[in-house]
Amino acid sequence: MLVFILPVGRWDLKTLVSSGEAKEFLRFKDQFHESIIDLMKGKFTTEGVPVTQFISVVDLDQLSFRQVTPSVLEMLRDDLSRFESNFPERLKINIIINAPWFLTTAMNFIRPFTSAKTLDKFKIFGSDRTVWIPELKALVSEKDLPVRYGGQNKTSRLNTMDTKEEQGN
């Protein structure tokens, strides 16, 4: 199973949208999803079954309330709509971790435009690592899971995000 961890909480979506880059971002996301499909080609589970789905882990650590503007929500709604239209059934599960208190409001905006089948694939967790780390470990082998997310993978670039920010890189 392919697993993608996206540190979305560190992305400045408000600036992206206000600078007129929303369409470019949506094109990037479409290309990202196409690359996932390409990565699945020729991959098989240990049982010999072709890999046709992926797991998404969305880390909202450091997401600020100021990022949740109507324009950002509209772009995210468009992103989810495009995903549903072009890549149905590719997502096995979408785990959202470090969800801030205001995520409920954002989800209420997106929910009417998203199918129940897709929403059922969302599992949302707050910042309590003791709750979401077991969920991640149930889906991802500890050797592949970055240390930052409770695993043993010490070489993942995701482990060094805070270090690079502190150094100004």
C-alpha atoms as a PDB file:
ATOM      1  CA  MET A   1       0.000   0.000   0.000  1.00  0.00           C
ATOM      2  CA  LEU A   2       1.313   3.436  -0.862  1.00  0.00           C
ATOM      3  CA  VAL A   3       1.215   5.994   1.953  1.00  0.00           C
ATOM      4  CA  PHE A   4       1.613   9.744   1.527  1.00  0.00           C
ATOM      5  CA  ILE A   5       2.136  12.077   4.477  1.00  0.00           C
ATOM      6  CA  LEU A   6       1.327  15.683   3.654  1.00  0.00           C
ATOM      7  CA  PRO A   7       2.317  18.398   6.178  1.00  0.00           C
ATOM      8  CA  VAL A   8      -0.552  20.643   5.048  1.00  0.00           C
ATOM      9  CA  GLY A   9      -0.609  22.598   8.318  1.00  0.00           C
ATOM     10  CA  ARG A  10       2.724  24.121   7.313  1.00  0.00           C
ATOM     11  CA  TRP A  11       1.507  25.278   3.899  1.00  0.00           C
ATOM     12  CA  ASP A  12       0.528  28.934   3.523  1.00  0.00           C
ATOM     13  CA  LEU A  13      -2.644  28.383   1.515  1.00  0.00           C
ATOM     14  CA  LYS A  14      -3.987  31.868   2.251  1.00  0.00           C
ATOM     15  CA  THR A  15      -0.996  33.509   0.540  1.00  0.00           C
ATOM     16  CA  LEU A  16      -1.171  30.996  -2.297  1.00  0.00           C
ATOM     17  CA  VAL A  17      -4.818  31.890  -2.980  1.00  0.00           C
ATOM     18  CA  SER A  18      -4.420  35.648  -2.484  1.00  0.00           C
ATOM     19  CA  SER A  19      -1.471  35.716  -4.918  1.00  0.00           C
ATOM     20  CA  GLY A  20      -3.612  34.132  -7.643  1.00  0.00           C
ATOM     21  CA  GLU A  21      -1.931  30.718  -7.549  1.00  0.00           C
ATOM     22  CA  ALA A  22      -5.005  28.606  -6.693  1.00  0.00           C
ATOM     23  CA  LYS A  23      -5.406  27.230 -10.240  1.00  0.00           C
ATOM     24  CA  GLU A  24      -1.712  26.356 -10.359  1.00  0.00           C
ATOM     25  CA  PHE A  25      -2.029  24.595  -7.002  1.00  0.00           C
ATOM     26  CA  LEU A  26      -5.009  22.587  -8.272  1.00  0.00           C
ATOM     27  CA  ARG A  27      -3.006  21.583 -11.372  1.00  0.00           C
ATOM     28  CA  PHE A  28      -0.162  20.512  -9.091  1.00  0.00           C
ATOM     29  CA  LYS A  29      -2.565  18.398  -7.018  1.00  0.00           C
ATOM     30  CA  ASP A  30      -3.954  16.777 -10.196  1.00  0.00           C
ATOM     31  CA  GLN A  31      -0.398  15.945 -11.285  1.00  0.00           C
ATOM     32  CA  PHE A  32       0.352  14.614  -7.811  1.00  0.00           C
ATOM     33  CA  HIS A  33      -2.634  12.269  -8.007  1.00  0.00           C
ATOM     34  CA  GLU A  34      -1.600  11.147 -11.500  1.00  0.00           C
ATOM     35  CA  SER A  35       1.882  10.374 -10.180  1.00  0.00           C
ATOM     36  CA  ILE A  36       0.325   8.243  -7.436  1.00  0.00           C
ATOM     37  CA  ILE A  37      -1.448   6.193 -10.099  1.00  0.00           C
ATOM     38  CA  ASP A  38       1.849   5.813 -11.964  1.00  0.00           C
ATOM     39  CA  LEU A  39       3.554   4.660  -8.759  1.00  0.00           C
ATOM     40  CA  MET A  40       0.881   1.999  -8.252  1.00  0.00           C
ATOM     41  CA  LYS A  41       1.488   0.447 -11.661  1.00  0.00           C
ATOM     42  CA  GLY A  42       3.298  -2.848 -11.286  1.00  0.00           C
ATOM     43  CA  LYS A  43       3.063  -2.842  -7.476  1.00  0.00           C
ATOM     44  CA  PHE A  44       1.577  -5.799  -5.642  1.00  0.00           C
ATOM     45  CA  THR A  45       0.691  -6.557  -2.047  1.00  0.00           C
ATOM     46  CA  THR A  46       2.497  -9.370  -0.240  1.00  0.00           C
ATOM     47  CA  GLU A  47      -0.470 -11.544  -1.240  1.00  0.00           C
ATOM     48  CA  GLY A  48       0.145 -10.778  -4.927  1.00  0.00           C
ATOM     49  CA  VAL A  49      -2.863  -8.468  -5.344  1.00  0.00           C
ATOM     50  CA  PRO A  50      -2.295  -5.341  -7.493  1.00  0.00           C
ATOM     51  CA  VAL A  51      -2.081  -2.096  -5.501  1.00  0.00           C
ATOM     52  CA  THR A  52      -4.949   0.145  -6.603  1.00  0.00           C
ATOM     53  CA  GLN A  53      -5.430   2.418  -3.588  1.00  0.00           C
ATOM     54  CA  PHE A  54      -3.331   4.665  -1.382  1.00  0.00           C
ATOM     55  CA  ILE A  55      -3.432   6.019   2.146  1.00  0.00           C
ATOM     56  CA  SER A  56      -3.220   9.746   2.783  1.00  0.00           C
ATOM     57  CA  VAL A  57      -2.078  11.191   6.106  1.00  0.00           C
ATOM     58  CA  VAL A  58      -2.733  14.923   6.371  1.00  0.00           C
ATOM     59  CA  ASP A  59      -0.811  16.566   9.201  1.00  0.00           C
ATOM     60  CA  LEU A  60      -2.421  19.857  10.222  1.00  0.00           C
ATOM     61  CA  ASP A  61       0.207  20.702  12.847  1.00  0.00           C
ATOM     62  CA  GLN A  62       0.765  24.478  12.855  1.00  0.00           C
ATOM     63  CA  LEU A  63      -2.401  25.230  10.860  1.00  0.00           C
ATOM     64  CA  SER A  64      -3.547  28.696  11.854  1.00  0.00           C
ATOM     65  CA  PHE A  65      -7.146  29.907  11.968  1.00  0.00           C
ATOM     66  CA  ARG A  66      -6.090  32.849   9.772  1.00  0.00           C
ATOM     67  CA  GLN A  67      -5.499  30.341   6.950  1.00  0.00           C
ATOM     68  CA  VAL A  68      -9.162  29.333   6.841  1.00  0.00           C
ATOM     69  CA  THR A  69     -10.552  32.038   4.579  1.00  0.00           C
ATOM     70  CA  PRO A  70     -13.587  31.558   2.329  1.00  0.00           C
ATOM     71  CA  SER A  71     -11.266  31.570  -0.708  1.00  0.00           C
ATOM     72  CA  VAL A  72      -9.052  28.851   0.773  1.00  0.00           C
ATOM     73  CA  LEU A  73     -12.095  26.749   1.656  1.00  0.00           C
ATOM     74  CA  GLU A  74     -13.399  27.184  -1.882  1.00  0.00           C
ATOM     75  CA  MET A  75     -10.063  26.026  -3.319  1.00  0.00           C
ATOM     76  CA  LEU A  76     -10.004  22.996  -1.003  1.00  0.00           C
ATOM     77  CA  ARG A  77     -13.581  22.181  -1.959  1.00  0.00           C
ATOM     78  CA  ASP A  78     -12.591  22.386  -5.647  1.00  0.00           C
ATOM     79  CA  ASP A  79      -9.578  20.164  -4.953  1.00  0.00           C
ATOM     80  CA  LEU A  80     -11.730  17.519  -3.290  1.00  0.00           C
ATOM     81  CA  SER A  81     -14.340  17.734  -6.049  1.00  0.00           C
ATOM     82  CA  ARG A  82     -11.675  17.273  -8.745  1.00  0.00           C
ATOM     83  CA  PHE A  83     -10.248  14.334  -6.836  1.00  0.00           C
ATOM     84  CA  GLU A  84     -13.662  12.663  -6.593  1.00  0.00           C
ATOM     85  CA  SER A  85     -14.364  13.259 -10.297  1.00  0.00           C
ATOM     86  CA  ASN A  86     -11.025  12.039 -11.627  1.00  0.00           C
ATOM     87  CA  PHE A  87      -9.677   9.523  -9.137  1.00  0.00           C
ATOM     88  CA  PRO A  88     -12.652   7.690  -7.625  1.00  0.00           C
ATOM     89  CA  GLU A  89     -11.859   4.758  -5.372  1.00  0.00           C
ATOM     90  CA  ARG A  90      -8.099   5.441  -5.350  1.00  0.00           C
ATOM     91  CA  LEU A  91      -8.199   6.677  -1.745  1.00  0.00           C
ATOM     92  CA  LYS A  92      -8.377   3.882   0.802  1.00  0.00           C
ATOM     93  CA  ILE A  93      -8.366   6.154   3.850  1.00  0.00           C
ATOM     94  CA  ASN A  94      -7.536   9.773   4.652  1.00  0.00           C
ATOM     95  CA  ILE A  95      -6.200  10.202   8.174  1.00  0.00           C
ATOM     96  CA  ILE A  96      -6.120  13.786   9.395  1.00  0.00           C
ATOM     97  CA  ILE A  97      -3.907  14.334  12.434  1.00  0.00           C
ATOM     98  CA  ASN A  98      -3.287  17.356  14.638  1.00  0.00           C
ATOM     99  CA  ALA A  99      -6.675  18.729  13.613  1.00  0.00           C
ATOM    100  CA  PRO A 100      -7.351  22.121  15.229  1.00  0.00           C
ATOM    101  CA  TRP A 101     -10.649  23.029  16.860  1.00  0.00           C
ATOM    102  CA  PHE A 102     -11.882  24.933  13.801  1.00  0.00           C
ATOM    103  CA  LEU A 103     -11.594  21.986  11.406  1.00  0.00           C
ATOM    104  CA  THR A 104     -15.230  21.130  12.151  1.00  0.00           C
ATOM    105  CA  THR A 105     -16.299  24.466  10.644  1.00  0.00           C
ATOM    106  CA  ALA A 106     -14.150  23.900   7.565  1.00  0.00           C
ATOM    107  CA  MET A 107     -15.544  20.385   7.112  1.00  0.00           C
ATOM    108  CA  ASN A 108     -19.098  21.725   7.400  1.00  0.00           C
ATOM    109  CA  PHE A 109     -18.328  23.985   4.424  1.00  0.00           C
ATOM    110  CA  ILE A 110     -16.937  21.105   2.344  1.00  0.00           C
ATOM    111  CA  ARG A 111     -19.365  18.349   3.432  1.00  0.00           C
ATOM    112  CA  PRO A 112     -22.324  19.344   1.166  1.00  0.00           C
ATOM    113  CA  PHE A 113     -20.077  19.115  -1.903  1.00  0.00           C
ATOM    114  CA  THR A 114     -18.526  15.758  -1.052  1.00  0.00           C
ATOM    115  CA  SER A 115     -20.031  12.305  -1.359  1.00  0.00           C
ATOM    116  CA  ALA A 116     -20.764  10.302   1.770  1.00  0.00           C
ATOM    117  CA  LYS A 117     -18.607   7.521   0.329  1.00  0.00           C
ATOM    118  CA  THR A 118     -15.575   9.832   0.309  1.00  0.00           C
ATOM    119  CA  LEU A 119     -16.345  11.388   3.705  1.00  0.00           C
ATOM    120  CA  ASP A 120     -16.571   7.896   5.213  1.00  0.00           C
ATOM    121  CA  LYS A 121     -12.886   7.463   4.333  1.00  0.00           C
ATOM    122  CA  PHE A 122     -11.892  10.417   6.547  1.00  0.00           C
ATOM    123  CA  LYS A 123     -10.656   9.761  10.087  1.00  0.00           C
ATOM    124  CA  ILE A 124      -9.961  12.943  12.022  1.00  0.00           C
ATOM    125  CA  PHE A 125      -7.764  13.125  15.111  1.00  0.00           C
ATOM    126  CA  GLY A 126      -6.661  16.000  17.310  1.00  0.00           C
ATOM    127  CA  SER A 127      -3.143  16.483  18.606  1.00  0.00           C
ATOM    128  CA  ASP A 128      -3.149  13.565  21.076  1.00  0.00           C
ATOM    129  CA  ARG A 129      -0.419  11.334  19.646  1.00  0.00           C
ATOM    130  CA  THR A 130      -1.477   8.449  21.890  1.00  0.00           C
ATOM    131  CA  VAL A 131      -4.699   8.265  19.880  1.00  0.00           C
ATOM    132  CA  TRP A 132      -3.476   8.627  16.281  1.00  0.00           C
ATOM    133  CA  ILE A 133      -0.081   6.886  16.401  1.00  0.00           C
ATOM    134  CA  PRO A 134      -1.704   3.441  16.895  1.00  0.00           C
ATOM    135  CA  GLU A 135      -3.942   4.196  13.876  1.00  0.00           C
ATOM    136  CA  LEU A 136      -0.886   4.985  11.739  1.00  0.00           C
ATOM    137  CA  LYS A 137       0.985   1.913  12.984  1.00  0.00           C
ATOM    138  CA  ALA A 138      -1.991  -0.268  12.053  1.00  0.00           C
ATOM    139  CA  LEU A 139      -1.704   0.945   8.445  1.00  0.00           C
ATOM    140  CA  VAL A 140       2.023   1.586   7.960  1.00  0.00           C
ATOM    141  CA  SER A 141       4.922  -0.618   9.009  1.00  0.00           C
ATOM    142  CA  GLU A 142       6.972   0.950  11.783  1.00  0.00           C
ATOM    143  CA  LYS A 143      10.136   0.662   9.690  1.00  0.00           C
ATOM    144  CA  ASP A 144       8.558   2.887   7.004  1.00  0.00           C
ATOM    145  CA  LEU A 145       6.786   5.330   9.310  1.00  0.00           C
ATOM    146  CA  PRO A 146       8.901   8.424  10.126  1.00  0.00           C
ATOM    147  CA  VAL A 147      10.058   8.773  13.742  1.00  0.00           C
ATOM    148  CA  ARG A 148       8.093  12.030  13.899  1.00  0.00           C
ATOM    149  CA  TYR A 149       4.922   9.966  13.447  1.00  0.00           C
ATOM    150  CA  GLY A 150       5.769   7.161  15.870  1.00  0.00           C
ATOM    151  CA  GLY A 151       7.779   4.919  13.559  1.00  0.00           C
ATOM    152  CA  GLN A 152      11.405   3.879  13.149  1.00  0.00           C
ATOM    153  CA  ASN A 153      12.277   5.540   9.822  1.00  0.00           C
ATOM    154  CA  LYS A 154      15.103   7.900  10.783  1.00  0.00           C
ATOM    155  CA  THR A 155      15.948   8.925   7.210  1.00  0.00           C
ATOM    156  CA  SER A 156      12.615  10.538   6.301  1.00  0.00           C
ATOM    157  CA  ARG A 157      12.825  14.244   5.508  1.00  0.00           C
ATOM    158  CA  LEU A 158       9.640  14.656   7.525  1.00  0.00           C
ATOM    159  CA  ASN A 159      11.672  14.038  10.698  1.00  0.00           C
ATOM    160  CA  THR A 160      13.708  17.210  10.169  1.00  0.00           C
ATOM    161  CA  MET A 161      10.987  19.743   9.350  1.00  0.00           C
ATOM    162  CA  ASP A 162      11.268  21.631  12.643  1.00  0.00           C
ATOM    163  CA  THR A 163      15.077  21.544  12.616  1.00  0.00           C
ATOM    164  CA  LYS A 164      15.246  23.160   9.167  1.00  0.00           C
ATOM    165  CA  GLU A 165      12.757  25.852  10.163  1.00  0.00           C
ATOM    166  CA  GLU A 166      14.759  26.681  13.290  1.00  0.00           C
ATOM    167  CA  GLN A 167      17.918  27.012  11.191  1.00  0.00           C
ATOM    168  CA  GLY A 168      16.134  29.306   8.735  1.00  0.00           C
ATOM    169  CA  ASN A 169      16.412  26.906   5.767  1.00  0.00           C
END
